[in-house]
Amino acid sequence: MMRISLIRHGRSMLKNNEKMSLYEYNSWLTEHDNAGVLHEVSYHLETVEIVEKANIFITSDLKRSIESALLLNANEKIISDPLFRETGLPNAFPKIANLKLSPACWTVILRCLWLMGYSSGCESLRDARIRAKKAAE
C-alpha cells in the first residue's frame, strides 16, 4: 500500500514582519522564498518517523522546500520539481500599492483575491487545479 504524507516546509529564516507596501511585499516574498529555513532543535516525532519510512521525498524546487527535506535527513530520497510548488500570488490592484500592511495580511488579501478569480501575474485557480491533478497522477 502506498502512503502519501504532506509535510509543510520549515519556518523561514527571514524575520521581517513589519508593515510594508505591496511593492515591498513582492520583494519580501522573493527573499522569503530564498532565505532558507530555520534549523529546529527538534521536530515532531510523527514527522521524523514518516521521513524515516519514506521511499521517496518529493518537494517543490524552492530552496525552503529542499532545505526542509534535507533537515529531515531525506538526502538520498529527494526529487525536486516545480510541479509541486504552492500556487503563487497575484499582483494586487495599483490603487492599494501604497497601503502598508504586514506580510501575513498581504498574503491573506492576495490569496483571497486569487480564490475569487483575480490572477494577474500568476497562475489562475483553474490552471492550478489542472497542475494539481497532474501532480497527483
N, C-alpha and C. Protein backbone atom coordinates (compact mmCIF):
# COMPACT_ATOMS: atom_id res chain seq x y z
N MET A 1 0.84 -1.19 0.00
CA MET A 1 0.00 0.00 0.00
C MET A 1 0.89 1.25 0.00
N MET A 2 0.54 2.20 -0.86
CA MET A 2 1.29 3.45 -0.92
C MET A 2 0.67 4.46 0.06
N ARG A 3 1.53 5.18 0.76
CA ARG A 3 1.07 6.21 1.68
C ARG A 3 1.69 7.53 1.24
N ILE A 4 0.85 8.55 1.12
CA ILE A 4 1.31 9.88 0.77
C ILE A 4 1.10 10.78 1.98
N SER A 5 2.16 11.44 2.42
CA SER A 5 2.09 12.36 3.55
C SER A 5 2.51 13.75 3.07
N LEU A 6 1.78 14.75 3.48
CA LEU A 6 2.12 16.12 3.14
C LEU A 6 2.75 16.77 4.37
N ILE A 7 3.95 17.32 4.18
CA ILE A 7 4.66 17.96 5.28
C ILE A 7 5.01 19.38 4.83
N ARG A 8 4.61 20.34 5.62
CA ARG A 8 4.88 21.74 5.29
C ARG A 8 6.36 22.05 5.52
N HIS A 9 6.88 22.94 4.69
CA HIS A 9 8.29 23.34 4.84
C HIS A 9 8.51 24.03 6.19
N GLY A 10 9.76 24.11 6.60
CA GLY A 10 10.11 24.74 7.87
C GLY A 10 9.90 26.25 7.84
N ARG A 11 10.04 26.85 9.02
CA ARG A 11 9.87 28.30 9.14
C ARG A 11 11.03 29.02 8.46
N SER A 12 10.71 30.09 7.78
CA SER A 12 11.70 30.87 7.05
C SER A 12 12.67 31.55 8.01
N MET A 13 13.91 31.71 7.56
CA MET A 13 14.91 32.45 8.33
C MET A 13 14.64 33.95 8.27
N LEU A 14 13.83 34.38 7.32
CA LEU A 14 13.50 35.80 7.17
C LEU A 14 12.53 36.19 8.28
N LYS A 15 12.91 37.17 9.07
CA LYS A 15 12.13 37.55 10.24
C LYS A 15 11.38 38.88 10.11
N ASN A 16 11.50 39.58 9.00
CA ASN A 16 10.88 40.88 8.86
C ASN A 16 9.36 40.75 8.76
N ASN A 17 8.66 41.20 9.79
CA ASN A 17 7.20 41.18 9.78
C ASN A 17 6.63 42.59 9.91
N GLU A 18 7.44 43.58 9.58
CA GLU A 18 6.99 44.97 9.67
C GLU A 18 6.01 45.28 8.55
N LYS A 19 5.20 46.31 8.76
CA LYS A 19 4.26 46.72 7.72
C LYS A 19 5.04 47.23 6.52
N MET A 20 4.51 46.91 5.34
CA MET A 20 5.20 47.27 4.10
C MET A 20 4.18 47.49 2.99
N SER A 21 4.63 48.19 1.96
CA SER A 21 3.78 48.41 0.78
C SER A 21 3.73 47.11 -0.03
N LEU A 22 2.84 47.08 -0.98
CA LEU A 22 2.74 45.90 -1.85
C LEU A 22 4.03 45.69 -2.63
N TYR A 23 4.63 46.77 -3.10
CA TYR A 23 5.90 46.67 -3.82
C TYR A 23 6.96 46.04 -2.92
N GLU A 24 7.03 46.50 -1.67
CA GLU A 24 7.99 45.94 -0.71
C GLU A 24 7.65 44.48 -0.40
N TYR A 25 6.36 44.16 -0.32
CA TYR A 25 5.93 42.79 -0.05
C TYR A 25 6.40 41.84 -1.16
N ASN A 26 6.28 42.27 -2.41
CA ASN A 26 6.73 41.42 -3.52
C ASN A 26 8.22 41.10 -3.40
N SER A 27 9.02 42.09 -3.00
CA SER A 27 10.45 41.85 -2.77
C SER A 27 10.65 40.94 -1.56
N TRP A 28 9.87 41.19 -0.50
CA TRP A 28 9.94 40.38 0.71
C TRP A 28 9.64 38.91 0.39
N LEU A 29 8.63 38.68 -0.44
CA LEU A 29 8.22 37.32 -0.78
C LEU A 29 9.36 36.57 -1.49
N THR A 30 10.06 37.26 -2.38
CA THR A 30 11.22 36.66 -3.04
C THR A 30 12.30 36.32 -2.02
N GLU A 31 12.57 37.25 -1.11
CA GLU A 31 13.55 36.99 -0.05
C GLU A 31 13.11 35.82 0.82
N HIS A 32 11.83 35.77 1.14
CA HIS A 32 11.26 34.70 1.97
C HIS A 32 11.50 33.34 1.31
N ASP A 33 11.26 33.27 0.01
CA ASP A 33 11.44 32.02 -0.72
C ASP A 33 12.91 31.59 -0.78
N ASN A 34 13.82 32.56 -0.76
CA ASN A 34 15.25 32.27 -0.90
C ASN A 34 16.04 32.28 0.40
N ALA A 35 15.40 32.62 1.50
CA ALA A 35 16.13 32.79 2.77
C ALA A 35 16.55 31.47 3.41
N GLY A 36 15.94 30.40 3.04
CA GLY A 36 16.22 29.14 3.72
C GLY A 36 15.34 28.98 4.93
N VAL A 37 15.49 27.87 5.63
CA VAL A 37 14.64 27.59 6.79
C VAL A 37 15.46 27.49 8.06
N LEU A 38 14.80 27.76 9.16
CA LEU A 38 15.44 27.66 10.47
C LEU A 38 15.73 26.21 10.83
N HIS A 39 16.86 25.99 11.44
CA HIS A 39 17.19 24.67 11.97
C HIS A 39 16.53 24.56 13.34
N GLU A 40 15.59 23.67 13.46
CA GLU A 40 14.87 23.50 14.72
C GLU A 40 15.68 22.59 15.65
N VAL A 41 15.46 22.74 16.95
CA VAL A 41 16.12 21.88 17.93
C VAL A 41 15.57 20.46 17.81
N SER A 42 14.27 20.36 17.56
CA SER A 42 13.65 19.05 17.38
C SER A 42 12.47 19.19 16.43
N TYR A 43 12.03 18.05 15.92
CA TYR A 43 10.90 18.01 15.01
C TYR A 43 9.86 17.06 15.59
N HIS A 44 8.62 17.21 15.15
CA HIS A 44 7.56 16.33 15.62
C HIS A 44 7.96 14.88 15.37
N LEU A 45 7.77 14.04 16.36
CA LEU A 45 8.14 12.63 16.26
C LEU A 45 7.46 11.97 15.07
N GLU A 46 6.18 12.28 14.85
CA GLU A 46 5.45 11.68 13.74
C GLU A 46 6.09 12.05 12.39
N THR A 47 6.53 13.30 12.26
CA THR A 47 7.19 13.74 11.03
C THR A 47 8.49 12.98 10.80
N VAL A 48 9.30 12.85 11.83
CA VAL A 48 10.57 12.12 11.75
C VAL A 48 10.32 10.67 11.34
N GLU A 49 9.32 10.04 11.93
CA GLU A 49 9.00 8.64 11.61
C GLU A 49 8.55 8.50 10.15
N ILE A 50 7.76 9.43 9.68
CA ILE A 50 7.29 9.39 8.29
C ILE A 50 8.48 9.48 7.34
N VAL A 51 9.39 10.41 7.60
CA VAL A 51 10.55 10.59 6.74
C VAL A 51 11.45 9.35 6.76
N GLU A 52 11.64 8.76 7.93
CA GLU A 52 12.49 7.57 8.03
C GLU A 52 11.93 6.40 7.22
N LYS A 53 10.62 6.29 7.15
CA LYS A 53 9.97 5.18 6.45
C LYS A 53 9.77 5.44 4.96
N ALA A 54 9.92 6.69 4.55
CA ALA A 54 9.63 7.07 3.16
C ALA A 54 10.64 6.50 2.18
N ASN A 55 10.14 6.03 1.05
CA ASN A 55 11.00 5.54 -0.03
C ASN A 55 11.44 6.70 -0.93
N ILE A 56 10.65 7.74 -0.93
CA ILE A 56 10.93 8.89 -1.79
C ILE A 56 10.38 10.15 -1.11
N PHE A 57 11.02 11.27 -1.35
CA PHE A 57 10.63 12.54 -0.75
C PHE A 57 10.55 13.54 -1.88
N ILE A 58 9.35 13.98 -2.23
CA ILE A 58 9.15 14.89 -3.36
C ILE A 58 8.90 16.30 -2.83
N THR A 59 9.66 17.27 -3.35
CA THR A 59 9.50 18.65 -2.93
C THR A 59 9.32 19.55 -4.15
N SER A 60 8.92 20.78 -3.89
CA SER A 60 8.97 21.77 -4.96
C SER A 60 10.44 22.10 -5.19
N ASP A 61 10.70 22.97 -6.15
CA ASP A 61 12.08 23.35 -6.42
C ASP A 61 12.51 24.59 -5.63
N LEU A 62 11.66 25.05 -4.71
CA LEU A 62 12.01 26.21 -3.90
C LEU A 62 13.02 25.81 -2.82
N LYS A 63 13.94 26.73 -2.54
CA LYS A 63 15.00 26.48 -1.57
C LYS A 63 14.44 26.03 -0.22
N ARG A 64 13.38 26.68 0.25
CA ARG A 64 12.83 26.36 1.57
C ARG A 64 12.29 24.93 1.62
N SER A 65 11.76 24.44 0.51
CA SER A 65 11.25 23.07 0.47
C SER A 65 12.38 22.05 0.47
N ILE A 66 13.38 22.31 -0.34
CA ILE A 66 14.53 21.40 -0.43
C ILE A 66 15.28 21.37 0.89
N GLU A 67 15.53 22.55 1.49
CA GLU A 67 16.23 22.61 2.77
C GLU A 67 15.45 21.89 3.86
N SER A 68 14.14 22.01 3.86
CA SER A 68 13.32 21.32 4.86
C SER A 68 13.51 19.81 4.75
N ALA A 69 13.53 19.31 3.53
CA ALA A 69 13.74 17.87 3.32
C ALA A 69 15.12 17.46 3.81
N LEU A 70 16.12 18.27 3.51
CA LEU A 70 17.48 17.95 3.95
C LEU A 70 17.60 17.95 5.47
N LEU A 71 16.93 18.90 6.11
CA LEU A 71 16.97 18.97 7.58
C LEU A 71 16.33 17.74 8.21
N LEU A 72 15.42 17.11 7.49
CA LEU A 72 14.77 15.89 8.00
C LEU A 72 15.53 14.63 7.56
N ASN A 73 16.73 14.83 7.02
CA ASN A 73 17.62 13.72 6.62
C ASN A 73 17.04 12.85 5.51
N ALA A 74 16.44 13.49 4.53
CA ALA A 74 15.89 12.75 3.40
C ALA A 74 16.85 12.80 2.21
N ASN A 75 18.14 13.03 2.47
CA ASN A 75 19.16 13.30 1.45
C ASN A 75 19.06 12.50 0.16
N GLU A 76 19.14 11.19 0.24
CA GLU A 76 19.20 10.37 -0.98
C GLU A 76 17.83 10.17 -1.61
N LYS A 77 16.77 10.59 -0.96
CA LYS A 77 15.43 10.28 -1.42
C LYS A 77 14.72 11.47 -2.08
N ILE A 78 15.39 12.59 -2.25
CA ILE A 78 14.73 13.82 -2.67
C ILE A 78 14.63 13.94 -4.19
N ILE A 79 13.42 14.24 -4.64
CA ILE A 79 13.17 14.63 -6.03
C ILE A 79 12.49 15.99 -5.95
N SER A 80 13.09 16.99 -6.60
CA SER A 80 12.52 18.35 -6.59
C SER A 80 11.99 18.69 -7.98
N ASP A 81 10.81 19.30 -8.00
CA ASP A 81 10.18 19.61 -9.28
C ASP A 81 9.25 20.80 -9.09
N PRO A 82 9.28 21.78 -10.00
CA PRO A 82 8.38 22.94 -9.88
C PRO A 82 6.90 22.56 -9.95
N LEU A 83 6.59 21.38 -10.45
CA LEU A 83 5.22 20.90 -10.49
C LEU A 83 4.58 20.91 -9.10
N PHE A 84 5.40 20.77 -8.07
CA PHE A 84 4.89 20.66 -6.70
C PHE A 84 4.96 21.96 -5.91
N ARG A 85 5.17 23.07 -6.59
CA ARG A 85 5.19 24.37 -5.90
C ARG A 85 3.78 24.74 -5.43
N GLU A 86 3.72 25.49 -4.33
CA GLU A 86 2.43 26.04 -3.95
C GLU A 86 2.09 27.13 -4.96
N THR A 87 0.83 27.46 -5.08
CA THR A 87 0.42 28.46 -6.07
C THR A 87 0.95 29.83 -5.68
N GLY A 88 1.28 30.60 -6.70
CA GLY A 88 1.78 31.95 -6.47
C GLY A 88 0.65 32.90 -6.10
N LEU A 89 1.03 34.14 -5.86
CA LEU A 89 0.05 35.16 -5.50
C LEU A 89 -0.01 36.20 -6.62
N PRO A 90 -1.20 36.76 -6.84
CA PRO A 90 -1.33 37.76 -7.91
C PRO A 90 -0.72 39.10 -7.52
N ASN A 91 -0.51 39.92 -8.53
CA ASN A 91 -0.15 41.31 -8.28
C ASN A 91 -1.44 42.03 -7.93
N ALA A 92 -1.43 42.81 -6.89
CA ALA A 92 -2.66 43.47 -6.45
C ALA A 92 -2.94 44.72 -7.29
N PHE A 93 -4.09 45.27 -7.07
CA PHE A 93 -4.52 46.45 -7.77
C PHE A 93 -3.58 47.63 -7.48
N PRO A 94 -3.23 48.41 -8.50
CA PRO A 94 -2.32 49.55 -8.30
C PRO A 94 -2.83 50.55 -7.26
N LYS A 95 -4.15 50.64 -7.10
CA LYS A 95 -4.71 51.62 -6.16
C LYS A 95 -4.34 51.33 -4.70
N ILE A 96 -4.00 50.10 -4.38
CA ILE A 96 -3.64 49.78 -2.99
C ILE A 96 -2.14 49.58 -2.82
N ALA A 97 -1.38 49.93 -3.84
CA ALA A 97 0.06 49.69 -3.82
C ALA A 97 0.78 50.44 -2.69
N ASN A 98 0.25 51.59 -2.26
CA ASN A 98 0.92 52.36 -1.21
C ASN A 98 0.43 52.02 0.20
N LEU A 99 -0.58 51.20 0.29
CA LEU A 99 -1.07 50.76 1.58
C LEU A 99 0.00 49.92 2.26
N LYS A 100 0.21 50.12 3.57
CA LYS A 100 1.23 49.36 4.29
C LYS A 100 0.57 48.37 5.24
N LEU A 101 0.88 47.09 5.04
CA LEU A 101 0.34 46.00 5.86
C LEU A 101 1.45 45.02 6.19
N SER A 102 1.20 44.15 7.14
CA SER A 102 2.18 43.11 7.47
C SER A 102 2.20 42.07 6.34
N PRO A 103 3.30 41.32 6.20
CA PRO A 103 3.34 40.28 5.18
C PRO A 103 2.19 39.28 5.30
N ALA A 104 1.82 38.93 6.53
CA ALA A 104 0.71 37.99 6.73
C ALA A 104 -0.59 38.56 6.17
N CYS A 105 -0.86 39.84 6.39
CA CYS A 105 -2.07 40.47 5.87
C CYS A 105 -2.06 40.50 4.34
N TRP A 106 -0.91 40.88 3.74
CA TRP A 106 -0.81 40.88 2.29
C TRP A 106 -1.07 39.49 1.73
N THR A 107 -0.52 38.48 2.38
CA THR A 107 -0.70 37.11 1.90
C THR A 107 -2.18 36.73 1.91
N VAL A 108 -2.88 37.04 2.99
CA VAL A 108 -4.30 36.70 3.09
C VAL A 108 -5.12 37.45 2.04
N ILE A 109 -4.87 38.72 1.90
CA ILE A 109 -5.61 39.53 0.92
C ILE A 109 -5.38 39.01 -0.50
N LEU A 110 -4.12 38.79 -0.84
CA LEU A 110 -3.80 38.33 -2.20
C LEU A 110 -4.33 36.93 -2.46
N ARG A 111 -4.29 36.05 -1.45
CA ARG A 111 -4.83 34.70 -1.63
C ARG A 111 -6.35 34.76 -1.81
N CYS A 112 -7.03 35.62 -1.06
CA CYS A 112 -8.49 35.77 -1.21
C CYS A 112 -8.83 36.29 -2.60
N LEU A 113 -8.08 37.29 -3.07
CA LEU A 113 -8.30 37.80 -4.43
C LEU A 113 -8.11 36.69 -5.46
N TRP A 114 -7.07 35.88 -5.25
CA TRP A 114 -6.78 34.77 -6.17
C TRP A 114 -7.93 33.76 -6.17
N LEU A 115 -8.44 33.43 -4.99
CA LEU A 115 -9.55 32.48 -4.88
C LEU A 115 -10.83 33.01 -5.52
N MET A 116 -10.95 34.34 -5.60
CA MET A 116 -12.12 34.95 -6.24
C MET A 116 -11.93 35.13 -7.74
N GLY A 117 -10.78 34.66 -8.26
CA GLY A 117 -10.57 34.69 -9.70
C GLY A 117 -9.57 35.70 -10.21
N TYR A 118 -9.01 36.52 -9.33
CA TYR A 118 -8.02 37.51 -9.75
C TYR A 118 -6.65 36.86 -9.77
N SER A 119 -6.03 36.77 -10.96
CA SER A 119 -4.75 36.06 -11.06
C SER A 119 -3.72 36.83 -11.88
N SER A 120 -3.78 38.16 -11.83
CA SER A 120 -2.83 38.97 -12.58
C SER A 120 -1.39 38.64 -12.17
N GLY A 121 -0.60 38.20 -13.13
CA GLY A 121 0.81 37.93 -12.86
C GLY A 121 1.09 36.57 -12.26
N CYS A 122 0.09 35.70 -12.15
CA CYS A 122 0.33 34.37 -11.59
C CYS A 122 -0.63 33.35 -12.23
N GLU A 123 -0.42 32.12 -11.86
CA GLU A 123 -1.25 31.01 -12.33
C GLU A 123 -2.70 31.18 -11.85
N SER A 124 -3.66 30.92 -12.71
CA SER A 124 -5.07 31.02 -12.32
C SER A 124 -5.47 29.82 -11.47
N LEU A 125 -6.58 29.94 -10.77
CA LEU A 125 -7.11 28.84 -9.97
C LEU A 125 -7.38 27.63 -10.86
N ARG A 126 -7.94 27.85 -12.03
CA ARG A 126 -8.21 26.77 -12.98
C ARG A 126 -6.92 26.05 -13.37
N ASP A 127 -5.90 26.81 -13.72
CA ASP A 127 -4.62 26.21 -14.10
C ASP A 127 -3.96 25.49 -12.92
N ALA A 128 -4.12 26.05 -11.73
CA ALA A 128 -3.56 25.40 -10.53
C ALA A 128 -4.24 24.05 -10.29
N ARG A 129 -5.54 23.97 -10.54
CA ARG A 129 -6.25 22.70 -10.39
C ARG A 129 -5.77 21.67 -11.41
N ILE A 130 -5.52 22.13 -12.61
CA ILE A 130 -5.01 21.23 -13.66
C ILE A 130 -3.62 20.72 -13.25
N ARG A 131 -2.77 21.62 -12.75
CA ARG A 131 -1.44 21.22 -12.31
C ARG A 131 -1.51 20.26 -11.12
N ALA A 132 -2.43 20.50 -10.20
CA ALA A 132 -2.59 19.61 -9.04
C ALA A 132 -2.99 18.22 -9.48
N LYS A 133 -3.88 18.12 -10.46
CA LYS A 133 -4.26 16.80 -10.98
C LYS A 133 -3.07 16.10 -11.60
N LYS A 134 -2.28 16.85 -12.35
CA LYS A 134 -1.08 16.28 -12.96
C LYS A 134 -0.10 15.80 -11.89
N ALA A 135 0.07 16.60 -10.85
CA ALA A 135 0.97 16.22 -9.74
C ALA A 135 0.47 14.98 -9.03
N ALA A 136 -0.83 14.87 -8.86
CA ALA A 136 -1.41 13.70 -8.19
C ALA A 136 -1.21 12.44 -9.01
N GLU A 137 -1.25 12.58 -10.32
CA GLU A 137 -1.02 11.41 -11.19
C GLU A 137 0.41 10.94 -11.08
